[in-house]
Amino acid sequence: QGCTYPCQCPSQPLQCPAGTSHVLDACGCCKVCARQLGELCSLQKPCDHHKGLYCDFSKIHRGSGICLAHEGATCDLLGKIYHNGESFQPTCKLQCVCMDGAIGCIPLCSDALRLPSPECPNPRRVKFRNKCCEEWICEEGAKENRFETAMAVFREDPAHKPELNNLQENCLVQTTEWSACSKSCGMGISARVTNDNPQCRLEKETRLCMVRPCDFPVEKTKKGKKCVRTPKPRQSLRFEFSGCTSTHSYRPKF
């Protein structure tokens, strides 16, 4: 099935399974949930290119194909082998994907901090039977102290400046170097781990990166020379990633 214009996209917010990317369809119209390894695909239902998947139209006819992975290294987790681009769930709390020998995971359970409130002065996380993720419950305290305990959180002292809590004061900040770009050309992703946050909790941060554009000519080293000058595009360009385009144009050095 081909593209139809003008574009007509659903008005409801897009709801995709955990670990599934929002990608622009091949018609350039609407954001859709990316198809995963082994699933049927089409122009309107593209594969998840972030995981190195592509739509192979040679297997199935009538405008449909099947999502396959580009050649890449497999992943070994506790003796089980996963193919490049394959999604899997090692535990009920994690959704993972194999990306060319590296395993990336996202949590399926929320670790969000719940602050005390007048309605719930003593929040506590508990594990219920037959449920994977812990849930918040409001623990009943002494009735006479309930209101005072809750309001103490919201009490303001204008003469007292806010200070770092004990957790922040005792936190030894640790931050790794940014990893190498995930792609040798074109837009990729770089990651690092840091605990530089109010909870002093190790978290993974990601950012976009580009070593060079894929269509950028690489200057060869001249005879007798050890390096070449830093190349720079003649015209400014806009960065593009997953259907999004930067508002400003740049002339980066590569």
Protein backbone atom coordinates (compact mmCIF):
# COMPACT_ATOMS: atom_id res chain seq x y z
CA GLN A 1 0.00 0.00 0.00
CA GLY A 2 1.44 3.36 -1.10
CA CYS A 3 1.36 6.78 0.50
CA THR A 4 -1.72 8.98 0.47
CA TYR A 5 -1.68 12.76 0.80
CA PRO A 6 -2.60 14.94 2.55
CA CYS A 7 -1.46 13.07 5.64
CA GLN A 8 -4.08 11.84 8.08
CA CYS A 9 -2.68 10.89 11.50
CA PRO A 10 -4.59 9.66 14.59
CA SER A 11 -5.43 12.40 17.08
CA GLN A 12 -4.83 10.14 20.10
CA PRO A 13 -1.36 10.07 21.73
CA LEU A 14 0.82 7.21 20.52
CA GLN A 15 1.01 4.31 23.00
CA CYS A 16 3.83 1.84 22.30
CA PRO A 17 5.09 -1.18 24.30
CA ALA A 18 8.09 -0.63 26.58
CA GLY A 19 11.34 -0.42 24.63
CA THR A 20 9.61 0.30 21.31
CA SER A 21 10.68 3.43 19.43
CA HIS A 22 8.39 6.08 17.98
CA VAL A 23 9.44 6.43 14.32
CA LEU A 24 8.19 8.37 11.33
CA ASP A 25 6.53 6.26 8.65
CA ALA A 26 8.17 6.01 5.23
CA CYS A 27 5.62 8.44 3.81
CA GLY A 28 6.92 11.14 6.15
CA CYS A 29 3.47 11.58 7.66
CA CYS A 30 2.87 10.09 11.10
CA LYS A 31 4.79 8.79 14.09
CA VAL A 32 4.10 5.08 14.58
CA CYS A 33 5.27 2.27 16.85
CA ALA A 34 8.30 0.68 15.20
CA ARG A 35 7.98 -2.95 14.16
CA GLN A 36 10.30 -5.42 15.87
CA LEU A 37 12.40 -8.36 14.70
CA GLY A 38 10.28 -10.95 12.86
CA GLU A 39 7.16 -8.76 12.69
CA LEU A 40 5.36 -7.75 9.49
CA CYS A 41 6.27 -4.32 8.13
CA SER A 42 5.30 -1.89 5.35
CA LEU A 43 5.73 1.75 4.34
CA GLN A 44 3.20 2.74 7.00
CA LYS A 45 4.66 0.33 9.57
CA PRO A 46 8.48 0.63 9.39
CA CYS A 47 10.99 -1.44 11.34
CA ASP A 48 12.94 -0.12 14.32
CA HIS A 49 16.06 1.30 12.65
CA HIS A 50 17.50 2.23 16.07
CA LYS A 51 18.01 -1.52 16.61
CA GLY A 52 19.50 -2.09 13.17
CA LEU A 53 16.31 -3.57 11.67
CA TYR A 54 15.09 -3.19 8.10
CA CYS A 55 12.00 -4.28 6.16
CA ASP A 56 12.74 -7.15 3.77
CA PHE A 57 10.07 -7.11 1.04
CA SER A 58 11.49 -10.17 -0.74
CA LYS A 59 9.95 -12.65 1.73
CA ILE A 60 6.30 -11.51 1.50
CA HIS A 61 4.41 -9.91 -1.38
CA ARG A 62 1.60 -7.32 -1.73
CA GLY A 63 3.44 -4.39 -0.20
CA SER A 64 4.33 -6.14 3.06
CA GLY A 65 7.65 -7.40 4.34
CA ILE A 66 9.24 -8.80 7.45
CA CYS A 67 11.63 -7.06 9.86
CA LEU A 68 15.13 -8.50 9.70
CA ALA A 69 18.38 -7.43 11.34
CA HIS A 70 21.49 -6.26 9.55
CA GLU A 71 24.56 -8.41 10.10
CA GLY A 72 25.84 -7.91 13.61
CA ALA A 73 27.33 -9.66 16.63
CA THR A 74 25.10 -11.80 18.83
CA CYS A 75 24.72 -11.29 22.58
CA ASP A 76 25.41 -13.83 25.31
CA LEU A 77 23.47 -13.42 28.56
CA LEU A 78 23.90 -16.14 31.18
CA GLY A 79 24.66 -18.68 28.48
CA LYS A 80 21.68 -17.80 26.27
CA ILE A 81 22.41 -16.39 22.80
CA TYR A 82 20.34 -13.54 21.35
CA HIS A 83 20.56 -12.36 17.74
CA ASN A 84 21.34 -8.80 16.70
CA GLY A 85 18.13 -6.72 16.92
CA GLU A 86 16.30 -9.30 19.05
CA SER A 87 14.22 -8.03 21.99
CA PHE A 88 13.90 -10.14 25.13
CA GLN A 89 12.84 -9.96 28.77
CA PRO A 90 15.40 -11.62 31.10
CA THR A 91 13.28 -10.76 34.16
CA CYS A 92 9.84 -9.30 34.68
CA LYS A 93 11.50 -5.99 35.60
CA LEU A 94 13.62 -5.51 32.46
CA GLN A 95 13.01 -5.21 28.71
CA CYS A 96 16.26 -5.67 26.75
CA VAL A 97 17.52 -5.67 23.18
CA CYS A 98 20.69 -7.04 21.58
CA MET A 99 22.46 -4.37 19.52
CA ASP A 100 25.52 -5.70 17.69
CA GLY A 101 26.96 -7.54 20.68
CA ALA A 102 25.85 -5.01 23.31
CA ILE A 103 22.77 -5.42 25.50
CA GLY A 104 20.61 -2.40 26.28
CA CYS A 105 17.80 -2.59 28.85
CA ILE A 106 15.06 -0.35 30.20
CA PRO A 107 13.28 -0.86 33.55
CA LEU A 108 9.62 -1.90 33.46
CA CYS A 109 9.07 -0.94 37.10
CA SER A 110 8.98 2.68 38.18
CA ASP A 111 11.58 3.76 40.74
CA ALA A 112 10.04 7.22 41.08
CA LEU A 113 10.43 8.78 44.51
CA ARG A 114 7.11 9.50 46.23
CA LEU A 115 7.25 12.40 48.67
CA PRO A 116 5.02 12.58 51.74
CA SER A 117 1.78 14.51 51.32
CA PRO A 118 -1.16 15.38 53.59
CA GLU A 119 -3.08 12.46 52.07
CA CYS A 120 -0.16 10.04 52.43
CA PRO A 121 2.34 11.11 55.12
CA ASN A 122 4.05 7.69 55.36
CA PRO A 123 4.46 6.20 51.86
CA ARG A 124 6.10 2.77 51.65
CA ARG A 125 6.87 0.37 48.81
CA VAL A 126 5.75 -3.23 49.26
CA LYS A 127 5.93 -6.43 47.20
CA PHE A 128 2.61 -8.13 46.51
CA ARG A 129 2.20 -11.79 45.64
CA ASN A 130 1.81 -12.53 41.91
CA LYS A 131 2.98 -9.01 41.04
CA CYS A 132 6.42 -8.26 39.67
CA CYS A 133 6.81 -4.60 40.59
CA GLU A 134 6.63 -3.15 44.07
CA GLU A 135 3.76 -0.73 44.71
CA TRP A 136 3.34 2.30 46.93
CA ILE A 137 1.01 2.09 49.92
CA CYS A 138 0.12 4.67 52.54
CA GLU A 139 1.07 3.44 55.98
CA GLU A 140 -1.30 4.65 58.67
CA GLY A 141 0.45 6.44 61.53
CA ALA A 142 -0.85 7.70 64.83
CA LYS A 143 -3.96 9.79 64.14
CA GLU A 144 -2.94 12.60 66.45
CA ASN A 145 0.44 13.01 64.70
CA ARG A 146 -0.72 12.45 61.13
CA PHE A 147 -1.46 16.07 60.25
CA GLU A 148 1.69 17.46 61.91
CA THR A 149 3.92 14.89 60.20
CA ALA A 150 2.44 15.64 56.80
CA MET A 151 2.55 19.43 57.10
CA ALA A 152 6.16 19.41 58.32
CA VAL A 153 7.24 18.63 54.77
CA PHE A 154 5.52 21.72 53.41
CA ARG A 155 6.46 24.14 56.21
CA GLU A 156 8.52 27.05 54.89
CA ASP A 157 10.95 29.21 56.83
CA PRO A 158 11.68 32.40 54.83
CA ALA A 159 14.73 33.17 56.97
CA HIS A 160 16.27 29.77 56.29
CA LYS A 161 17.93 29.09 52.94
CA PRO A 162 17.47 25.61 51.47
CA GLU A 163 20.43 23.31 51.93
CA LEU A 164 21.49 20.07 50.34
CA ASN A 165 20.11 17.03 52.12
CA ASN A 166 22.44 14.60 53.85
CA LEU A 167 22.39 12.26 50.85
CA GLN A 168 23.73 14.95 48.53
CA GLU A 169 26.33 16.17 51.05
CA ASN A 170 27.74 12.65 51.50
CA CYS A 171 27.59 11.73 47.81
CA LEU A 172 30.89 10.92 46.12
CA VAL A 173 30.16 11.96 42.54
CA GLN A 174 31.27 9.39 39.97
CA THR A 175 30.91 9.95 36.23
CA THR A 176 32.31 7.78 33.44
CA GLU A 177 33.61 9.09 30.12
CA TRP A 178 31.19 9.29 27.22
CA SER A 179 31.28 6.06 25.21
CA ALA A 180 32.32 5.96 21.57
CA CYS A 181 29.58 6.89 19.11
CA SER A 182 27.37 3.92 18.23
CA LYS A 183 27.79 4.65 14.49
CA SER A 184 30.94 5.36 12.50
CA CYS A 185 28.95 7.68 10.23
CA GLY A 186 25.62 9.42 10.53
CA MET A 187 23.76 10.19 13.75
CA GLY A 188 24.40 7.75 16.59
CA ILE A 189 24.13 7.55 20.37
CA SER A 190 26.79 7.92 23.08
CA ALA A 191 26.25 6.99 26.73
CA ARG A 192 27.78 7.42 30.17
CA VAL A 193 26.92 6.52 33.77
CA THR A 194 26.80 9.07 36.59
CA ASN A 195 25.41 9.55 40.08
CA ASP A 196 25.47 13.36 39.84
CA ASN A 197 21.81 13.78 40.83
CA PRO A 198 19.85 14.63 44.01
CA GLN A 199 19.36 10.92 44.83
CA CYS A 200 23.08 10.08 44.35
CA ARG A 201 21.88 7.14 42.27
CA LEU A 202 23.80 5.70 39.33
CA GLU A 203 21.90 6.49 36.14
CA LYS A 204 22.64 6.07 32.45
CA GLU A 205 22.67 9.23 30.33
CA THR A 206 22.60 9.28 26.53
CA ARG A 207 23.28 11.96 23.94
CA LEU A 208 23.34 12.19 20.16
CA CYS A 209 26.70 12.06 18.39
CA MET A 210 28.09 12.13 14.86
CA VAL A 211 31.63 11.20 13.81
CA ARG A 212 30.93 12.32 10.23
CA PRO A 213 28.03 12.24 7.74
CA CYS A 214 27.82 8.99 5.77
CA ASP A 215 27.99 10.85 2.44
CA PHE A 216 30.90 13.07 3.54
CA PRO A 217 34.06 12.47 1.42
CA VAL A 218 37.05 11.35 3.48
CA GLU A 219 40.28 13.03 2.44
CA LYS A 220 43.15 10.60 1.99
CA THR A 221 46.47 11.18 3.70
CA LYS A 222 49.00 12.62 1.28
CA LYS A 223 52.30 10.85 0.74
CA GLY A 224 54.81 11.87 3.40
CA LYS A 225 52.07 13.29 5.67
CA LYS A 226 50.82 11.71 8.89
CA CYS A 227 47.46 13.45 9.16
CA VAL A 228 44.98 15.55 7.22
CA ARG A 229 43.39 18.87 8.07
CA THR A 230 40.11 18.79 9.98
CA PRO A 231 37.35 18.57 7.35
CA LYS A 232 34.39 20.94 7.50
CA PRO A 233 31.27 20.93 5.30
CA ARG A 234 31.05 23.76 2.78
CA GLN A 235 27.39 24.40 3.57
CA SER A 236 25.65 24.43 6.93
CA LEU A 237 23.47 21.43 7.71
CA ARG A 238 20.64 20.48 10.03
CA PHE A 239 20.91 17.42 12.25
CA GLU A 240 18.23 14.76 11.75
CA PHE A 241 17.37 11.82 14.01
CA SER A 242 14.28 9.60 14.16
CA GLY A 243 12.12 12.04 12.20
CA CYS A 244 13.24 15.10 14.20
CA THR A 245 15.24 17.97 12.70
CA SER A 246 17.29 20.57 14.59
CA THR A 247 15.88 24.11 14.55
CA HIS A 248 19.32 25.60 13.83
CA SER A 249 21.82 24.72 11.12
CA TYR A 250 25.50 24.04 11.87
CA ARG A 251 28.90 23.65 10.20
CA PRO A 252 30.55 21.04 12.46
CA LYS A 253 34.13 19.85 12.16
CA PHE A 254 34.71 16.14 11.60
